[in-house]
N, C-alpha and C. Protein backbone atom coordinates (compact mmCIF):
# COMPACT_ATOMS: atom_id res chain seq x y z
N UNK A 1 90.92 24.24 44.20
CA UNK A 1 90.32 25.53 43.89
C UNK A 1 91.11 26.68 44.38
N UNK A 2 91.04 27.71 43.37
CA UNK A 2 91.82 28.88 43.56
C UNK A 2 91.27 29.70 44.78
N UNK A 3 92.09 30.50 45.41
CA UNK A 3 91.70 31.40 46.50
C UNK A 3 90.72 32.47 46.08
N UNK A 4 90.05 33.01 46.89
CA UNK A 4 89.06 34.12 46.52
C UNK A 4 89.85 35.31 46.05
N UNK A 5 89.08 36.04 45.05
CA UNK A 5 89.79 37.15 44.56
C UNK A 5 89.67 38.35 45.52
N UNK A 6 90.80 39.22 45.73
CA UNK A 6 90.78 40.25 46.61
C UNK A 6 89.88 41.34 46.22
N UNK A 7 88.98 41.85 47.07
CA UNK A 7 88.12 42.88 46.72
C UNK A 7 89.10 44.28 46.84
N UNK A 8 88.33 45.38 46.08
CA UNK A 8 89.07 46.70 46.15
C UNK A 8 88.56 47.32 47.33
N UNK A 9 89.51 47.54 48.29
CA UNK A 9 89.01 48.03 49.72
C UNK A 9 89.89 49.28 50.02
N UNK A 10 89.51 50.40 50.47
CA UNK A 10 90.13 51.47 50.92
C UNK A 10 90.63 51.28 52.36
N UNK A 11 91.76 51.99 52.85
CA UNK A 11 92.18 51.76 54.13
C UNK A 11 91.12 52.07 55.17
N UNK A 12 90.33 53.03 54.95
CA UNK A 12 89.19 53.36 55.88
C UNK A 12 88.19 52.14 56.07
N UNK A 13 87.85 51.66 54.97
CA UNK A 13 86.96 50.44 54.93
C UNK A 13 87.60 49.25 55.78
N UNK A 14 88.85 49.03 55.37
CA UNK A 14 89.52 47.99 56.10
C UNK A 14 89.60 48.14 57.54
N UNK A 15 89.87 49.36 58.13
CA UNK A 15 89.73 49.78 59.51
C UNK A 15 88.44 49.45 60.07
N UNK A 16 87.40 49.81 59.25
CA UNK A 16 85.89 49.77 59.90
C UNK A 16 85.61 48.14 59.88
N UNK A 17 86.15 47.38 58.91
CA UNK A 17 85.83 45.95 58.90
C UNK A 17 86.47 45.35 60.13
N UNK A 18 87.82 45.55 60.33
CA UNK A 18 88.56 44.86 61.49
C UNK A 18 88.03 45.33 62.90
N UNK A 19 87.60 46.60 62.93
CA UNK A 19 86.95 47.02 64.28
C UNK A 19 85.72 46.26 64.54
N UNK A 20 84.97 45.98 63.48
CA UNK A 20 83.69 45.11 63.72
C UNK A 20 83.96 43.86 64.09
N UNK A 21 85.22 43.27 63.70
CA UNK A 21 85.60 41.88 63.98
C UNK A 21 86.30 41.89 65.37
N UNK A 22 86.36 42.91 66.14
CA UNK A 22 86.93 42.88 67.42
C UNK A 22 88.35 43.60 67.73
N UNK A 23 88.78 44.15 66.62
CA UNK A 23 90.14 44.76 66.72
C UNK A 23 89.74 46.16 67.30
N UNK A 24 90.70 46.73 68.01
CA UNK A 24 90.58 48.13 68.43
C UNK A 24 91.63 49.10 67.92
N UNK A 25 91.33 50.34 67.77
CA UNK A 25 92.40 51.01 67.21
C UNK A 25 93.14 51.66 68.37
N UNK A 26 94.36 51.35 68.31
CA UNK A 26 95.29 51.53 69.40
C UNK A 26 95.98 52.98 69.35
N UNK A 27 96.41 53.36 68.14
CA UNK A 27 96.82 54.73 67.94
C UNK A 27 96.85 54.87 66.36
N UNK A 28 97.00 56.38 66.15
CA UNK A 28 97.05 56.65 64.74
C UNK A 28 98.36 57.42 64.67
N UNK A 29 99.28 57.00 63.80
CA UNK A 29 100.58 57.73 63.51
C UNK A 29 100.59 58.33 62.11
N UNK A 30 100.42 59.58 62.03
CA UNK A 30 100.42 59.93 60.61
C UNK A 30 99.14 59.49 59.96
N UNK A 31 99.29 58.96 58.85
CA UNK A 31 98.08 58.42 58.07
C UNK A 31 97.96 56.95 58.29
N UNK A 32 98.75 56.37 59.23
CA UNK A 32 98.62 54.87 59.60
C UNK A 32 97.88 54.64 60.75
N UNK A 33 96.79 53.71 60.67
CA UNK A 33 96.05 53.29 61.85
C UNK A 33 96.59 52.01 62.45
N UNK A 34 96.94 51.95 63.64
CA UNK A 34 97.48 50.75 64.37
C UNK A 34 96.33 50.07 65.10
N UNK A 35 95.99 48.94 64.64
CA UNK A 35 94.84 48.32 65.38
C UNK A 35 95.36 46.98 66.27
N UNK A 36 94.91 46.75 67.34
CA UNK A 36 95.30 45.56 68.12
C UNK A 36 93.98 44.67 68.34
N UNK A 37 94.24 43.36 68.39
CA UNK A 37 93.26 42.48 68.91
C UNK A 37 93.68 41.94 70.22
N UNK A 38 92.99 42.17 71.32
CA UNK A 38 93.33 41.98 72.66
C UNK A 38 93.42 40.70 73.03
N UNK A 39 92.96 39.67 72.21
CA UNK A 39 92.93 38.26 72.68
C UNK A 39 94.32 37.77 72.79
N UNK A 40 94.27 36.28 72.91
CA UNK A 40 95.65 35.61 72.92
C UNK A 40 95.72 34.72 71.79
N UNK A 41 96.67 34.87 70.89
CA UNK A 41 97.80 35.75 71.02
C UNK A 41 97.26 37.15 70.61
N UNK A 42 97.98 38.20 71.07
CA UNK A 42 97.62 39.55 70.57
C UNK A 42 98.13 39.87 69.25
N UNK A 43 97.32 40.36 68.50
CA UNK A 43 97.66 40.66 67.12
C UNK A 43 97.70 42.20 66.88
N UNK A 44 98.57 42.69 66.10
CA UNK A 44 98.72 44.03 65.69
C UNK A 44 98.82 44.17 64.33
N UNK A 45 98.03 45.19 63.72
CA UNK A 45 97.80 45.33 62.31
C UNK A 45 98.05 46.95 62.03
N UNK A 46 98.88 47.08 61.13
CA UNK A 46 99.06 48.55 60.69
C UNK A 46 98.29 48.85 59.37
N UNK A 47 97.42 49.82 59.24
CA UNK A 47 96.64 49.96 58.00
C UNK A 47 96.92 51.36 57.44
N UNK A 48 97.33 51.61 56.35
CA UNK A 48 97.48 52.94 55.71
C UNK A 48 96.17 53.42 55.32
N UNK A 49 95.80 54.81 55.77
CA UNK A 49 94.73 55.37 55.38
C UNK A 49 95.01 56.70 54.62
N UNK A 50 94.98 56.60 53.39
CA UNK A 50 95.21 57.82 52.45
C UNK A 50 93.94 58.11 51.71
N UNK A 51 93.02 58.95 52.47
CA UNK A 51 91.91 59.41 51.80
C UNK A 51 91.08 58.20 51.42
N UNK A 52 90.48 58.20 50.20
CA UNK A 52 89.68 57.14 49.78
C UNK A 52 90.46 56.16 48.89
N UNK A 53 91.77 56.31 48.84
CA UNK A 53 92.54 55.48 47.95
C UNK A 53 92.43 53.99 48.31
N UNK A 54 92.35 53.15 47.32
CA UNK A 54 92.25 51.72 47.50
C UNK A 54 93.60 51.20 47.89
N UNK A 55 93.72 50.21 48.73
CA UNK A 55 94.87 49.45 49.07
C UNK A 55 95.33 48.67 47.86
N UNK A 56 96.77 48.66 47.78
CA UNK A 56 97.22 47.75 46.81
C UNK A 56 97.03 46.33 47.18
N UNK A 57 96.94 45.42 46.14
CA UNK A 57 96.67 43.96 46.55
C UNK A 57 97.70 43.40 47.47
N UNK A 58 98.86 43.68 47.34
CA UNK A 58 100.00 43.10 48.23
C UNK A 58 99.79 43.62 49.63
N UNK A 59 99.51 44.94 49.77
CA UNK A 59 99.28 45.50 51.06
C UNK A 59 98.04 44.88 51.73
N UNK A 60 96.90 44.70 51.07
CA UNK A 60 95.74 44.19 51.65
C UNK A 60 96.00 42.69 52.05
N UNK A 61 96.69 42.02 51.16
CA UNK A 61 96.97 40.58 51.46
C UNK A 61 97.76 40.51 52.82
N UNK A 62 98.64 41.38 53.06
CA UNK A 62 99.47 41.48 54.24
C UNK A 62 98.79 41.93 55.44
N UNK A 63 97.74 42.83 55.34
CA UNK A 63 96.96 43.12 56.35
C UNK A 63 96.10 41.99 56.80
N UNK A 64 95.56 41.30 55.96
CA UNK A 64 94.79 40.09 56.10
C UNK A 64 95.47 39.08 56.74
N UNK A 65 96.69 38.87 56.43
CA UNK A 65 97.58 37.89 57.19
C UNK A 65 97.86 38.24 58.66
N UNK A 66 98.23 39.51 58.67
CA UNK A 66 98.53 40.03 60.06
C UNK A 66 97.48 39.93 61.12
N UNK A 67 96.17 39.99 60.44
CA UNK A 67 94.97 39.88 61.16
C UNK A 67 94.53 38.53 61.61
N UNK A 68 95.24 37.59 60.83
CA UNK A 68 94.93 36.20 61.07
C UNK A 68 93.67 35.47 60.37
N UNK A 69 93.49 36.21 59.41
CA UNK A 69 92.12 35.86 58.47
C UNK A 69 92.56 35.26 57.32
N UNK A 70 91.82 34.46 56.65
CA UNK A 70 91.94 34.00 55.31
C UNK A 70 91.22 35.06 54.45
N UNK A 71 91.40 35.13 53.30
CA UNK A 71 90.80 36.09 52.19
C UNK A 71 89.29 35.95 52.35
N UNK A 72 88.94 34.63 52.41
CA UNK A 72 87.31 34.37 52.38
C UNK A 72 86.73 35.05 53.70
N UNK A 73 87.46 34.80 54.77
CA UNK A 73 87.02 35.28 56.11
C UNK A 73 86.87 36.76 56.08
N UNK A 74 87.85 37.44 55.44
CA UNK A 74 87.99 38.94 55.49
C UNK A 74 86.77 39.37 54.66
N UNK A 75 86.57 38.77 53.45
CA UNK A 75 85.37 39.29 52.62
C UNK A 75 84.18 39.07 53.43
N UNK A 76 84.05 37.95 54.28
CA UNK A 76 82.81 37.68 55.03
C UNK A 76 82.65 38.86 55.91
N UNK A 77 83.61 39.35 56.67
CA UNK A 77 83.64 40.45 57.61
C UNK A 77 83.29 41.84 56.83
N UNK A 78 83.80 42.07 55.66
CA UNK A 78 83.49 43.12 54.82
C UNK A 78 82.01 43.18 54.46
N UNK A 79 81.48 42.10 54.20
CA UNK A 79 80.04 42.08 53.72
C UNK A 79 79.11 42.33 55.11
N UNK A 80 79.67 42.11 56.22
CA UNK A 80 78.85 42.31 57.40
C UNK A 80 78.84 43.77 57.92
N UNK A 81 79.90 44.43 57.29
CA UNK A 81 79.96 45.97 57.76
C UNK A 81 79.34 46.86 56.72
């Protein structure tokens, strides 16, 4: 079975989804939000937030991988927010 199709997501919405999943905004450097998951192992994810622009598919896939999610898990978290 092929993987789930990536949704069109803005950086702001990705930040909101990951914070609802337990990530915390550690700092904001320019237009990039750095989120951390305080568990073990500690995970760090950097998300570009450029207004309402959608993240490119490769960037979104990288964010999902850094967060330790599968695409399906990330979509589930998006639906909950």
